[in-house]
Amino acid sequence: MKPTSTPQTKAKASVPVAAVMVSIIAFVTLAARFVYVFYNGDSDLEGDFFGFKWLSIFLYNFGVEVTTVGLGALFWVSTMYHPKGSHSRFLFRGVSVGVMAVGFFFMGWIFTDTLYFSQVLEVFMAIIISINATFFSVMLLNYLTRDIRNIKELKVRWLSFLVEIRNEHYKPLLKRIMRGDLYSEAMAEELKKDVKKFDERLRDEAENIVE
């Protein structure tokens, strides 16, 4: 019989893959950013490196853009842990695309003849990036504002719930203990009902907080 995979096993299997992806992206990003230091000073090489006279300058500029693309890729990988269809997933993927677009644009500037990168093209790209950044900045602000408001509401609900537990469950139970009739059959049955009611109330409140 062919074994079937459950959502739990799929989730566990995806964690190492994401970890490997993050590790590779982070390593390449950091390595590209600092590789130019090996060619500083007397170790530098002079020549024609895609229009750059010195290898260190070429590697520096290239490393900056690789870092930008790498950061965008890390944003994209992080969306694997966001619920499908959620606003946060859409937001982080939009930011990821915008950041990688900037990196790839200037990477093209490094490897392509400057004749193809006119001032008009740069201004057009700057406008597109600015619109993208403004749109997702507003979305991020709204997302954070909503989350902060939800956190405040959860605090109030949680404190109210604790007060409810104290007043409706623990206080009556303490009074019964003080009276010494805790172990009577009628009282034991009543306590069972109270415990069941408390469990249901606790489960409902926990589900509301998770949602």
N, C-alpha and C. Protein backbone atom coordinates (compact mmCIF):
# COMPACT_ATOMS: atom_id res chain seq x y z
N MET A 1 0.85 -1.21 0.00
CA MET A 1 0.00 0.00 0.00
C MET A 1 0.88 1.24 0.00
N LYS A 2 0.58 2.18 -0.87
CA LYS A 2 1.38 3.39 -0.99
C LYS A 2 1.12 4.31 0.19
N PRO A 3 2.18 4.71 0.92
CA PRO A 3 1.96 5.58 2.08
C PRO A 3 1.49 6.95 1.66
N THR A 4 0.58 7.48 2.43
CA THR A 4 0.05 8.83 2.14
C THR A 4 0.72 9.82 3.06
N SER A 5 0.95 11.01 2.53
CA SER A 5 1.59 12.07 3.32
C SER A 5 0.53 12.95 3.94
N THR A 6 0.73 13.29 5.17
CA THR A 6 -0.19 14.15 5.89
C THR A 6 0.32 15.57 5.85
N PRO A 7 -0.55 16.59 6.12
CA PRO A 7 -0.09 17.98 6.16
C PRO A 7 1.04 18.19 7.14
N GLN A 8 1.03 17.40 8.27
CA GLN A 8 2.08 17.57 9.25
C GLN A 8 3.43 17.16 8.69
N THR A 9 3.46 16.00 7.96
CA THR A 9 4.72 15.53 7.41
C THR A 9 5.22 16.45 6.32
N LYS A 10 4.29 17.04 5.54
CA LYS A 10 4.69 17.98 4.51
C LYS A 10 5.31 19.22 5.13
N ALA A 11 4.71 19.71 6.22
CA ALA A 11 5.22 20.90 6.88
C ALA A 11 6.60 20.63 7.45
N LYS A 12 6.79 19.43 8.05
CA LYS A 12 8.10 19.11 8.60
C LYS A 12 9.15 18.98 7.51
N ALA A 13 8.74 18.43 6.36
CA ALA A 13 9.70 18.25 5.27
C ALA A 13 10.10 19.57 4.66
N SER A 14 9.21 20.57 4.70
CA SER A 14 9.51 21.85 4.07
C SER A 14 10.45 22.71 4.90
N VAL A 15 10.54 22.41 6.21
CA VAL A 15 11.40 23.23 7.07
C VAL A 15 12.86 23.12 6.69
N PRO A 16 13.43 21.91 6.52
CA PRO A 16 14.84 21.84 6.12
C PRO A 16 15.10 22.49 4.77
N VAL A 17 14.15 22.37 3.83
CA VAL A 17 14.33 22.98 2.51
C VAL A 17 14.43 24.49 2.64
N ALA A 18 13.53 25.08 3.41
CA ALA A 18 13.56 26.53 3.63
C ALA A 18 14.85 26.94 4.34
N ALA A 19 15.28 26.13 5.30
CA ALA A 19 16.51 26.45 6.04
C ALA A 19 17.72 26.42 5.11
N VAL A 20 17.76 25.45 4.21
CA VAL A 20 18.88 25.37 3.25
C VAL A 20 18.84 26.57 2.30
N MET A 21 17.65 26.93 1.83
CA MET A 21 17.51 28.08 0.94
C MET A 21 17.99 29.37 1.62
N VAL A 22 17.56 29.56 2.87
CA VAL A 22 17.96 30.76 3.60
C VAL A 22 19.46 30.78 3.81
N SER A 23 20.04 29.63 4.15
CA SER A 23 21.48 29.56 4.39
C SER A 23 22.28 29.90 3.13
N ILE A 24 21.84 29.34 1.99
CA ILE A 24 22.54 29.59 0.74
C ILE A 24 22.43 31.06 0.34
N ILE A 25 21.23 31.60 0.42
CA ILE A 25 21.02 33.01 0.05
C ILE A 25 21.83 33.92 0.95
N ALA A 26 21.81 33.64 2.26
CA ALA A 26 22.54 34.48 3.21
C ALA A 26 24.04 34.41 2.96
N PHE A 27 24.56 33.21 2.68
CA PHE A 27 26.00 33.06 2.42
C PHE A 27 26.41 33.81 1.16
N VAL A 28 25.64 33.63 0.08
CA VAL A 28 25.97 34.32 -1.18
C VAL A 28 25.88 35.83 -1.00
N THR A 29 24.85 36.28 -0.28
CA THR A 29 24.66 37.72 -0.06
C THR A 29 25.83 38.33 0.69
N LEU A 30 26.25 37.68 1.77
CA LEU A 30 27.36 38.21 2.56
C LEU A 30 28.68 38.09 1.83
N ALA A 31 28.89 36.96 1.16
CA ALA A 31 30.15 36.77 0.43
C ALA A 31 30.30 37.79 -0.68
N ALA A 32 29.23 38.03 -1.44
CA ALA A 32 29.29 38.99 -2.53
C ALA A 32 29.53 40.41 -2.02
N ARG A 33 28.99 40.69 -0.84
CA ARG A 33 29.12 42.06 -0.31
C ARG A 33 30.54 42.37 0.13
N PHE A 34 31.28 41.39 0.59
CA PHE A 34 32.60 41.66 1.17
C PHE A 34 33.77 41.07 0.38
N VAL A 35 33.49 40.45 -0.78
CA VAL A 35 34.58 39.83 -1.52
C VAL A 35 35.56 40.86 -2.08
N TYR A 36 35.11 42.10 -2.26
CA TYR A 36 35.99 43.13 -2.82
C TYR A 36 37.17 43.45 -1.92
N VAL A 37 37.05 43.16 -0.61
CA VAL A 37 38.13 43.52 0.32
C VAL A 37 39.41 42.76 0.02
N PHE A 38 39.30 41.62 -0.66
CA PHE A 38 40.49 40.84 -0.99
C PHE A 38 41.32 41.50 -2.10
N TYR A 39 40.75 42.51 -2.74
CA TYR A 39 41.45 43.18 -3.84
C TYR A 39 41.71 44.65 -3.53
N ASN A 40 41.66 45.01 -2.28
CA ASN A 40 41.97 46.38 -1.90
C ASN A 40 43.47 46.63 -1.90
N GLY A 41 43.86 47.87 -2.11
CA GLY A 41 45.28 48.25 -2.02
C GLY A 41 46.12 47.64 -3.12
N ASP A 42 47.25 47.07 -2.72
CA ASP A 42 48.20 46.52 -3.69
C ASP A 42 47.69 45.25 -4.36
N SER A 43 46.70 44.62 -3.81
CA SER A 43 46.16 43.38 -4.39
C SER A 43 45.18 43.66 -5.52
N ASP A 44 44.84 44.91 -5.76
CA ASP A 44 43.85 45.25 -6.77
C ASP A 44 44.40 44.98 -8.17
N LEU A 45 43.49 44.69 -9.09
CA LEU A 45 43.86 44.42 -10.47
C LEU A 45 43.29 45.52 -11.37
N GLU A 46 44.12 45.99 -12.28
CA GLU A 46 43.70 47.04 -13.20
C GLU A 46 43.36 46.43 -14.55
N GLY A 47 42.30 46.91 -15.16
CA GLY A 47 41.88 46.39 -16.45
C GLY A 47 40.53 46.95 -16.83
N ASP A 48 39.83 46.24 -17.71
CA ASP A 48 38.50 46.65 -18.13
C ASP A 48 37.51 45.61 -17.64
N PHE A 49 36.90 45.89 -16.53
CA PHE A 49 35.94 44.98 -15.91
C PHE A 49 34.53 45.56 -16.09
N PHE A 50 33.98 45.28 -17.29
CA PHE A 50 32.64 45.80 -17.64
C PHE A 50 32.57 47.32 -17.46
N GLY A 51 33.61 47.99 -17.88
CA GLY A 51 33.64 49.44 -17.81
C GLY A 51 34.30 49.99 -16.56
N PHE A 52 34.61 49.15 -15.59
CA PHE A 52 35.28 49.58 -14.38
C PHE A 52 36.79 49.36 -14.52
N LYS A 53 37.55 50.34 -14.11
CA LYS A 53 39.00 50.26 -14.28
C LYS A 53 39.64 49.30 -13.29
N TRP A 54 39.10 49.26 -12.08
CA TRP A 54 39.67 48.42 -11.03
C TRP A 54 38.70 47.31 -10.66
N LEU A 55 39.28 46.12 -10.39
CA LEU A 55 38.46 44.96 -10.04
C LEU A 55 37.73 45.18 -8.72
N SER A 56 38.38 45.85 -7.77
CA SER A 56 37.74 46.08 -6.47
C SER A 56 36.49 46.93 -6.62
N ILE A 57 36.53 47.92 -7.49
CA ILE A 57 35.35 48.78 -7.69
C ILE A 57 34.22 47.99 -8.33
N PHE A 58 34.58 47.14 -9.31
CA PHE A 58 33.57 46.30 -9.95
C PHE A 58 32.93 45.36 -8.94
N LEU A 59 33.76 44.68 -8.13
CA LEU A 59 33.23 43.74 -7.15
C LEU A 59 32.40 44.44 -6.09
N TYR A 60 32.79 45.66 -5.73
CA TYR A 60 32.02 46.41 -4.73
C TYR A 60 30.61 46.71 -5.25
N ASN A 61 30.54 47.26 -6.45
CA ASN A 61 29.24 47.59 -7.04
C ASN A 61 28.39 46.34 -7.29
N PHE A 62 29.04 45.30 -7.78
CA PHE A 62 28.33 44.04 -8.02
C PHE A 62 27.81 43.45 -6.70
N GLY A 63 28.64 43.52 -5.66
CA GLY A 63 28.26 42.97 -4.36
C GLY A 63 27.08 43.69 -3.74
N VAL A 64 27.02 45.01 -3.93
CA VAL A 64 25.89 45.78 -3.41
C VAL A 64 24.59 45.30 -4.03
N GLU A 65 24.60 45.09 -5.34
CA GLU A 65 23.36 44.67 -6.02
C GLU A 65 23.00 43.23 -5.70
N VAL A 66 24.01 42.37 -5.55
CA VAL A 66 23.72 40.99 -5.14
C VAL A 66 23.10 40.97 -3.75
N THR A 67 23.60 41.83 -2.86
CA THR A 67 23.03 41.94 -1.52
C THR A 67 21.57 42.40 -1.58
N THR A 68 21.29 43.36 -2.44
CA THR A 68 19.92 43.85 -2.58
C THR A 68 19.00 42.74 -3.08
N VAL A 69 19.44 42.01 -4.10
CA VAL A 69 18.63 40.90 -4.62
C VAL A 69 18.48 39.81 -3.55
N GLY A 70 19.56 39.54 -2.82
CA GLY A 70 19.50 38.53 -1.77
C GLY A 70 18.52 38.87 -0.66
N LEU A 71 18.49 40.13 -0.27
CA LEU A 71 17.52 40.56 0.75
C LEU A 71 16.09 40.38 0.26
N GLY A 72 15.87 40.74 -1.01
CA GLY A 72 14.54 40.53 -1.59
C GLY A 72 14.17 39.06 -1.61
N ALA A 73 15.15 38.20 -1.93
CA ALA A 73 14.89 36.75 -1.95
C ALA A 73 14.57 36.23 -0.55
N LEU A 74 15.24 36.77 0.47
CA LEU A 74 14.96 36.35 1.84
C LEU A 74 13.54 36.75 2.25
N PHE A 75 13.12 37.94 1.81
CA PHE A 75 11.74 38.35 2.06
C PHE A 75 10.77 37.36 1.42
N TRP A 76 11.08 36.92 0.21
CA TRP A 76 10.19 36.00 -0.50
C TRP A 76 10.14 34.65 0.22
N VAL A 77 11.30 34.15 0.65
CA VAL A 77 11.32 32.86 1.35
C VAL A 77 10.53 32.95 2.66
N SER A 78 10.58 34.10 3.31
CA SER A 78 9.86 34.25 4.58
C SER A 78 8.36 34.12 4.41
N THR A 79 7.85 34.38 3.19
CA THR A 79 6.40 34.29 2.97
C THR A 79 5.92 32.84 2.97
N MET A 80 6.85 31.88 2.93
CA MET A 80 6.46 30.47 3.01
C MET A 80 5.79 30.16 4.35
N TYR A 81 6.08 30.99 5.36
CA TYR A 81 5.52 30.75 6.69
C TYR A 81 4.30 31.62 6.97
N HIS A 82 3.85 32.37 5.97
CA HIS A 82 2.64 33.16 6.11
C HIS A 82 1.45 32.36 5.59
N PRO A 83 0.27 32.51 6.18
CA PRO A 83 -0.91 31.78 5.67
C PRO A 83 -1.21 32.15 4.22
N LYS A 84 -1.64 31.17 3.45
CA LYS A 84 -1.97 31.42 2.05
C LYS A 84 -3.14 32.39 1.95
N GLY A 85 -2.99 33.37 1.05
CA GLY A 85 -4.04 34.35 0.85
C GLY A 85 -4.07 35.45 1.88
N SER A 86 -3.11 35.46 2.81
CA SER A 86 -3.12 36.48 3.86
C SER A 86 -2.56 37.79 3.34
N HIS A 87 -2.92 38.90 4.01
CA HIS A 87 -2.42 40.21 3.63
C HIS A 87 -0.91 40.30 3.85
N SER A 88 -0.43 39.67 4.90
CA SER A 88 1.01 39.73 5.19
C SER A 88 1.82 39.04 4.10
N ARG A 89 1.30 37.93 3.57
CA ARG A 89 2.01 37.22 2.50
C ARG A 89 2.09 38.09 1.24
N PHE A 90 0.96 38.70 0.89
CA PHE A 90 0.93 39.58 -0.28
C PHE A 90 1.86 40.78 -0.08
N LEU A 91 1.86 41.32 1.14
CA LEU A 91 2.69 42.48 1.44
C LEU A 91 4.17 42.16 1.33
N PHE A 92 4.60 41.08 1.96
CA PHE A 92 6.02 40.74 1.95
C PHE A 92 6.48 40.32 0.55
N ARG A 93 5.63 39.69 -0.21
CA ARG A 93 6.02 39.33 -1.58
C ARG A 93 6.13 40.57 -2.46
N GLY A 94 5.25 41.54 -2.24
CA GLY A 94 5.35 42.78 -2.98
C GLY A 94 6.63 43.53 -2.66
N VAL A 95 6.98 43.59 -1.37
CA VAL A 95 8.24 44.22 -0.97
C VAL A 95 9.42 43.46 -1.57
N SER A 96 9.33 42.13 -1.56
CA SER A 96 10.40 41.30 -2.12
C SER A 96 10.62 41.59 -3.60
N VAL A 97 9.53 41.65 -4.36
CA VAL A 97 9.65 41.92 -5.80
C VAL A 97 10.24 43.31 -6.04
N GLY A 98 9.79 44.30 -5.24
CA GLY A 98 10.32 45.66 -5.40
C GLY A 98 11.80 45.74 -5.12
N VAL A 99 12.24 45.09 -4.04
CA VAL A 99 13.67 45.11 -3.67
C VAL A 99 14.50 44.40 -4.73
N MET A 100 14.04 43.22 -5.18
CA MET A 100 14.80 42.50 -6.20
C MET A 100 14.82 43.25 -7.52
N ALA A 101 13.74 43.95 -7.85
CA ALA A 101 13.71 44.74 -9.09
C ALA A 101 14.78 45.82 -9.07
N VAL A 102 14.95 46.47 -7.93
CA VAL A 102 16.00 47.49 -7.81
C VAL A 102 17.36 46.86 -8.02
N GLY A 103 17.60 45.71 -7.37
CA GLY A 103 18.89 45.04 -7.50
C GLY A 103 19.18 44.61 -8.92
N PHE A 104 18.19 44.00 -9.59
CA PHE A 104 18.41 43.54 -10.96
C PHE A 104 18.57 44.71 -11.94
N PHE A 105 17.87 45.81 -11.65
CA PHE A 105 18.00 46.98 -12.53
C PHE A 105 19.44 47.51 -12.51
N PHE A 106 19.98 47.71 -11.34
CA PHE A 106 21.35 48.23 -11.25
C PHE A 106 22.40 47.18 -11.60
N MET A 107 22.04 45.90 -11.47
CA MET A 107 22.94 44.86 -11.93
C MET A 107 23.04 44.91 -13.45
N GLY A 108 21.90 45.21 -14.09
CA GLY A 108 21.93 45.39 -15.54
C GLY A 108 22.77 46.59 -15.93
N TRP A 109 22.71 47.64 -15.10
CA TRP A 109 23.55 48.82 -15.35
C TRP A 109 25.03 48.48 -15.29
N ILE A 110 25.40 47.55 -14.42
CA ILE A 110 26.81 47.16 -14.27
C ILE A 110 27.29 46.40 -15.49
N PHE A 111 26.48 45.46 -15.98
CA PHE A 111 26.94 44.56 -17.04
C PHE A 111 26.56 45.01 -18.44
N THR A 112 25.76 46.07 -18.54
CA THR A 112 25.29 46.52 -19.85
C THR A 112 25.92 47.85 -20.21
N ASP A 113 26.05 48.07 -21.49
CA ASP A 113 26.59 49.33 -21.97
C ASP A 113 25.72 50.49 -21.47
N THR A 114 26.37 51.55 -21.03
CA THR A 114 25.64 52.69 -20.48
C THR A 114 24.72 53.35 -21.50
N LEU A 115 24.91 53.08 -22.79
CA LEU A 115 24.04 53.67 -23.80
C LEU A 115 22.59 53.20 -23.65
N TYR A 116 22.43 51.97 -23.10
CA TYR A 116 21.09 51.44 -22.93
C TYR A 116 20.40 52.01 -21.69
N PHE A 117 21.17 52.63 -20.82
CA PHE A 117 20.60 53.18 -19.59
C PHE A 117 20.60 54.70 -19.68
N SER A 118 19.64 55.19 -20.42
CA SER A 118 19.52 56.64 -20.58
C SER A 118 18.90 57.25 -19.34
N GLN A 119 18.96 58.57 -19.28
CA GLN A 119 18.38 59.27 -18.14
C GLN A 119 16.87 59.07 -18.07
N VAL A 120 16.23 58.97 -19.24
CA VAL A 120 14.79 58.76 -19.28
C VAL A 120 14.43 57.41 -18.66
N LEU A 121 15.21 56.38 -18.99
CA LEU A 121 14.95 55.05 -18.44
C LEU A 121 15.14 55.04 -16.93
N GLU A 122 16.18 55.72 -16.46
CA GLU A 122 16.42 55.77 -15.02
C GLU A 122 15.31 56.51 -14.29
N VAL A 123 14.84 57.61 -14.87
CA VAL A 123 13.74 58.35 -14.25
C VAL A 123 12.46 57.50 -14.25
N PHE A 124 12.20 56.81 -15.35
CA PHE A 124 11.03 55.95 -15.43
C PHE A 124 11.08 54.84 -14.38
N MET A 125 12.26 54.22 -14.25
CA MET A 125 12.43 53.17 -13.26
C MET A 125 12.27 53.72 -11.85
N ALA A 126 12.79 54.92 -11.62
CA ALA A 126 12.67 55.55 -10.30
C ALA A 126 11.20 55.82 -9.95
N ILE A 127 10.41 56.23 -10.94
CA ILE A 127 8.99 56.48 -10.71
C ILE A 127 8.26 55.19 -10.37
N ILE A 128 8.56 54.13 -11.13
CA ILE A 128 7.91 52.83 -10.88
C ILE A 128 8.26 52.32 -9.48
N ILE A 129 9.55 52.44 -9.12
CA ILE A 129 9.98 51.97 -7.80
C ILE A 129 9.34 52.81 -6.70
N SER A 130 9.25 54.12 -6.92
CA SER A 130 8.66 55.00 -5.91
C SER A 130 7.18 54.68 -5.69
N ILE A 131 6.46 54.42 -6.79
CA ILE A 131 5.05 54.06 -6.67
C ILE A 131 4.91 52.75 -5.90
N ASN A 132 5.75 51.78 -6.27
CA ASN A 132 5.73 50.48 -5.59
C ASN A 132 6.04 50.64 -4.10
N ALA A 133 7.09 51.42 -3.79
CA ALA A 133 7.49 51.60 -2.40
C ALA A 133 6.40 52.33 -1.61
N THR A 134 5.78 53.34 -2.21
CA THR A 134 4.72 54.07 -1.52
C THR A 134 3.52 53.18 -1.24
N PHE A 135 3.12 52.41 -2.24
CA PHE A 135 1.96 51.53 -2.10
C PHE A 135 2.17 50.51 -0.98
N PHE A 136 3.33 49.85 -1.00
CA PHE A 136 3.57 48.82 0.00
C PHE A 136 3.93 49.40 1.36
N SER A 137 4.45 50.62 1.39
CA SER A 137 4.68 51.28 2.68
C SER A 137 3.36 51.59 3.37
N VAL A 138 2.39 52.06 2.59
CA VAL A 138 1.06 52.32 3.15
C VAL A 138 0.42 51.02 3.63
N MET A 139 0.57 49.95 2.84
CA MET A 139 0.04 48.66 3.24
C MET A 139 0.70 48.16 4.52
N LEU A 140 2.03 48.34 4.60
CA LEU A 140 2.76 47.91 5.80
C LEU A 140 2.30 48.68 7.02
N LEU A 141 2.11 49.99 6.85
CA LEU A 141 1.65 50.83 7.96
C LEU A 141 0.27 50.39 8.43
N ASN A 142 -0.62 50.15 7.48
CA ASN A 142 -1.97 49.69 7.83
C ASN A 142 -1.93 48.32 8.50
N TYR A 143 -1.06 47.45 8.00
CA TYR A 143 -0.93 46.10 8.56
C TYR A 143 -0.44 46.16 10.00
N LEU A 144 0.61 46.98 10.24
CA LEU A 144 1.15 47.10 11.59
C LEU A 144 0.16 47.78 12.53
N THR A 145 -0.53 48.81 12.02
CA THR A 145 -1.52 49.50 12.85
C THR A 145 -2.64 48.55 13.26
N ARG A 146 -3.09 47.74 12.31
CA ARG A 146 -4.16 46.79 12.62
C ARG A 146 -3.68 45.74 13.62
N ASP A 147 -2.43 45.27 13.46
CA ASP A 147 -1.91 44.27 14.38
C ASP A 147 -1.74 44.85 15.78
N ILE A 148 -1.26 46.10 15.87
CA ILE A 148 -1.11 46.73 17.18
C ILE A 148 -2.47 46.89 17.86
N ARG A 149 -3.47 47.28 17.07
CA ARG A 149 -4.82 47.42 17.62
C ARG A 149 -5.36 46.06 18.08
N ASN A 150 -5.09 45.01 17.29
CA ASN A 150 -5.54 43.68 17.68
C ASN A 150 -4.85 43.21 18.96
N ILE A 151 -3.56 43.53 19.08
CA ILE A 151 -2.83 43.13 20.28
C ILE A 151 -3.41 43.82 21.51
N LYS A 152 -3.74 45.11 21.37
CA LYS A 152 -4.35 45.83 22.49
C LYS A 152 -5.70 45.22 22.86
N GLU A 153 -6.48 44.87 21.84
CA GLU A 153 -7.78 44.25 22.11
C GLU A 153 -7.62 42.90 22.78
N LEU A 154 -6.61 42.14 22.35
CA LEU A 154 -6.36 40.84 22.97
C LEU A 154 -5.94 40.99 24.43
N LYS A 155 -5.14 42.03 24.72
CA LYS A 155 -4.75 42.28 26.11
C LYS A 155 -5.97 42.54 26.98
N VAL A 156 -6.86 43.39 26.47
CA VAL A 156 -8.07 43.72 27.23
C VAL A 156 -8.93 42.48 27.43
N ARG A 157 -9.09 41.70 26.37
CA ARG A 157 -9.91 40.49 26.47
C ARG A 157 -9.28 39.48 27.42
N TRP A 158 -7.96 39.37 27.38
CA TRP A 158 -7.27 38.42 28.24
C TRP A 158 -7.39 38.82 29.71
N LEU A 159 -7.23 40.11 30.00
CA LEU A 159 -7.38 40.60 31.37
C LEU A 159 -8.81 40.41 31.86
N SER A 160 -9.77 40.69 30.98
CA SER A 160 -11.17 40.48 31.34
C SER A 160 -11.46 39.01 31.61
N PHE A 161 -10.82 38.15 30.81
CA PHE A 161 -11.00 36.72 30.99
C PHE A 161 -10.42 36.26 32.33
N LEU A 162 -9.27 36.79 32.71
CA LEU A 162 -8.67 36.43 34.00
C LEU A 162 -9.56 36.88 35.16
N VAL A 163 -10.12 38.09 35.03
CA VAL A 163 -11.03 38.58 36.06
C VAL A 163 -12.27 37.69 36.15
N GLU A 164 -12.75 37.27 34.98
CA GLU A 164 -13.92 36.38 34.96
C GLU A 164 -13.61 35.06 35.64
N ILE A 165 -12.43 34.50 35.38
CA ILE A 165 -12.04 33.24 36.03
C ILE A 165 -12.00 33.41 37.54
N ARG A 166 -11.43 34.53 37.97
CA ARG A 166 -11.30 34.78 39.41
C ARG A 166 -12.67 34.93 40.08
N ASN A 167 -13.56 35.69 39.45
CA ASN A 167 -14.84 36.00 40.08
C ASN A 167 -15.87 34.88 39.96
N GLU A 168 -15.87 34.19 38.82
CA GLU A 168 -16.93 33.21 38.56
C GLU A 168 -16.54 31.77 38.86
N HIS A 169 -15.23 31.50 39.02
CA HIS A 169 -14.81 30.12 39.21
C HIS A 169 -14.03 29.91 40.50
N TYR A 170 -12.95 30.66 40.67
CA TYR A 170 -12.09 30.42 41.82
C TYR A 170 -12.71 30.92 43.13
N LYS A 171 -13.36 32.07 43.12
CA LYS A 171 -13.99 32.58 44.33
C LYS A 171 -15.08 31.65 44.84
N PRO A 172 -16.03 31.22 43.99
CA PRO A 172 -17.05 30.27 44.47
C PRO A 172 -16.44 28.97 44.97
N LEU A 173 -15.40 28.49 44.26
CA LEU A 173 -14.75 27.25 44.69
C LEU A 173 -14.11 27.43 46.06
N LEU A 174 -13.47 28.56 46.29
CA LEU A 174 -12.85 28.83 47.58
C LEU A 174 -13.88 28.88 48.70
N LYS A 175 -15.04 29.47 48.42
CA LYS A 175 -16.10 29.55 49.43
C LYS A 175 -16.59 28.16 49.79
N ARG A 176 -16.71 27.29 48.81
CA ARG A 176 -17.16 25.93 49.09
C ARG A 176 -16.15 25.16 49.93
N ILE A 177 -14.88 25.38 49.63
CA ILE A 177 -13.84 24.73 50.41
C ILE A 177 -13.88 25.23 51.86
N MET A 178 -14.08 26.52 52.01
CA MET A 178 -14.14 27.11 53.36
C MET A 178 -15.32 26.54 54.15
N ARG A 179 -16.44 26.22 53.48
CA ARG A 179 -17.61 25.69 54.17
C ARG A 179 -17.43 24.24 54.57
N GLY A 180 -16.48 23.57 53.92
CA GLY A 180 -16.19 22.19 54.28
C GLY A 180 -17.10 21.19 53.65
N ASP A 181 -17.89 21.60 52.66
CA ASP A 181 -18.82 20.65 52.04
C ASP A 181 -18.37 20.27 50.63
N LEU A 182 -17.07 20.34 50.42
CA LEU A 182 -16.53 20.08 49.08
C LEU A 182 -16.73 18.64 48.65
N TYR A 183 -16.72 17.73 49.60
CA TYR A 183 -16.71 16.32 49.24
C TYR A 183 -18.09 15.66 49.32
N SER A 184 -19.12 16.44 49.49
CA SER A 184 -20.46 15.86 49.42
C SER A 184 -20.77 15.50 47.98
N GLU A 185 -21.63 14.53 47.79
CA GLU A 185 -21.94 14.05 46.45
C GLU A 185 -22.58 15.15 45.60
N ALA A 186 -23.49 15.87 46.20
CA ALA A 186 -24.15 16.94 45.45
C ALA A 186 -23.16 18.02 45.04
N MET A 187 -22.25 18.33 45.96
CA MET A 187 -21.26 19.35 45.65
C MET A 187 -20.26 18.86 44.60
N ALA A 188 -19.90 17.57 44.68
CA ALA A 188 -18.98 17.01 43.70
C ALA A 188 -19.59 17.06 42.31
N GLU A 189 -20.88 16.77 42.20
CA GLU A 189 -21.55 16.83 40.91
C GLU A 189 -21.62 18.26 40.38
N GLU A 190 -21.85 19.18 41.29
CA GLU A 190 -21.90 20.59 40.89
C GLU A 190 -20.53 21.08 40.45
N LEU A 191 -19.49 20.61 41.10
CA LEU A 191 -18.13 20.99 40.71
C LEU A 191 -17.77 20.45 39.33
N LYS A 192 -18.24 19.24 39.04
CA LYS A 192 -17.99 18.68 37.72
C LYS A 192 -18.61 19.56 36.63
N LYS A 193 -19.83 20.03 36.90
CA LYS A 193 -20.50 20.90 35.93
C LYS A 193 -19.73 22.22 35.77
N ASP A 194 -19.25 22.74 36.90
CA ASP A 194 -18.49 23.99 36.84
C ASP A 194 -17.19 23.81 36.07
N VAL A 195 -16.52 22.69 36.29
CA VAL A 195 -15.26 22.42 35.59
C VAL A 195 -15.50 22.28 34.09
N LYS A 196 -16.58 21.58 33.73
CA LYS A 196 -16.90 21.43 32.32
C LYS A 196 -17.22 22.78 31.68
N LYS A 197 -17.98 23.60 32.41
CA LYS A 197 -18.32 24.93 31.90
C LYS A 197 -17.07 25.79 31.75
N PHE A 198 -16.17 25.67 32.73
CA PHE A 198 -14.92 26.43 32.67
C PHE A 198 -14.05 25.98 31.50
N ASP A 199 -13.96 24.67 31.27
CA ASP A 199 -13.18 24.14 30.14
C ASP A 199 -13.71 24.65 28.82
N GLU A 200 -15.03 24.64 28.68
CA GLU A 200 -15.63 25.14 27.43
C GLU A 200 -15.35 26.62 27.25
N ARG A 201 -15.48 27.37 28.33
CA ARG A 201 -15.20 28.81 28.26
C ARG A 201 -13.74 29.07 27.91
N LEU A 202 -12.84 28.31 28.50
CA LEU A 202 -11.41 28.47 28.23
C LEU A 202 -11.08 28.11 26.78
N ARG A 203 -11.72 27.04 26.26
CA ARG A 203 -11.49 26.63 24.88
C ARG A 203 -12.00 27.68 23.90
N ASP A 204 -13.18 28.22 24.17
CA ASP A 204 -13.74 29.25 23.29
C ASP A 204 -12.86 30.51 23.27
N GLU A 205 -12.39 30.90 24.44
CA GLU A 205 -11.56 32.11 24.51
C GLU A 205 -10.22 31.89 23.82
N ALA A 206 -9.65 30.69 23.97
CA ALA A 206 -8.38 30.39 23.30
C ALA A 206 -8.55 30.41 21.79
N GLU A 207 -9.66 29.87 21.28
CA GLU A 207 -9.91 29.89 19.84
C GLU A 207 -10.08 31.32 19.34
N ASN A 208 -10.74 32.17 20.11
CA ASN A 208 -10.92 33.56 19.70
C ASN A 208 -9.58 34.30 19.66
N ILE A 209 -8.71 34.01 20.63
CA ILE A 209 -7.41 34.67 20.66
C ILE A 209 -6.55 34.23 19.49
N VAL A 210 -6.59 32.92 19.17
CA VAL A 210 -5.80 32.41 18.04
C VAL A 210 -6.28 33.01 16.73
N GLU A 211 -7.59 33.16 16.56
CA GLU A 211 -8.13 33.74 15.34
C GLU A 211 -7.73 35.19 15.21
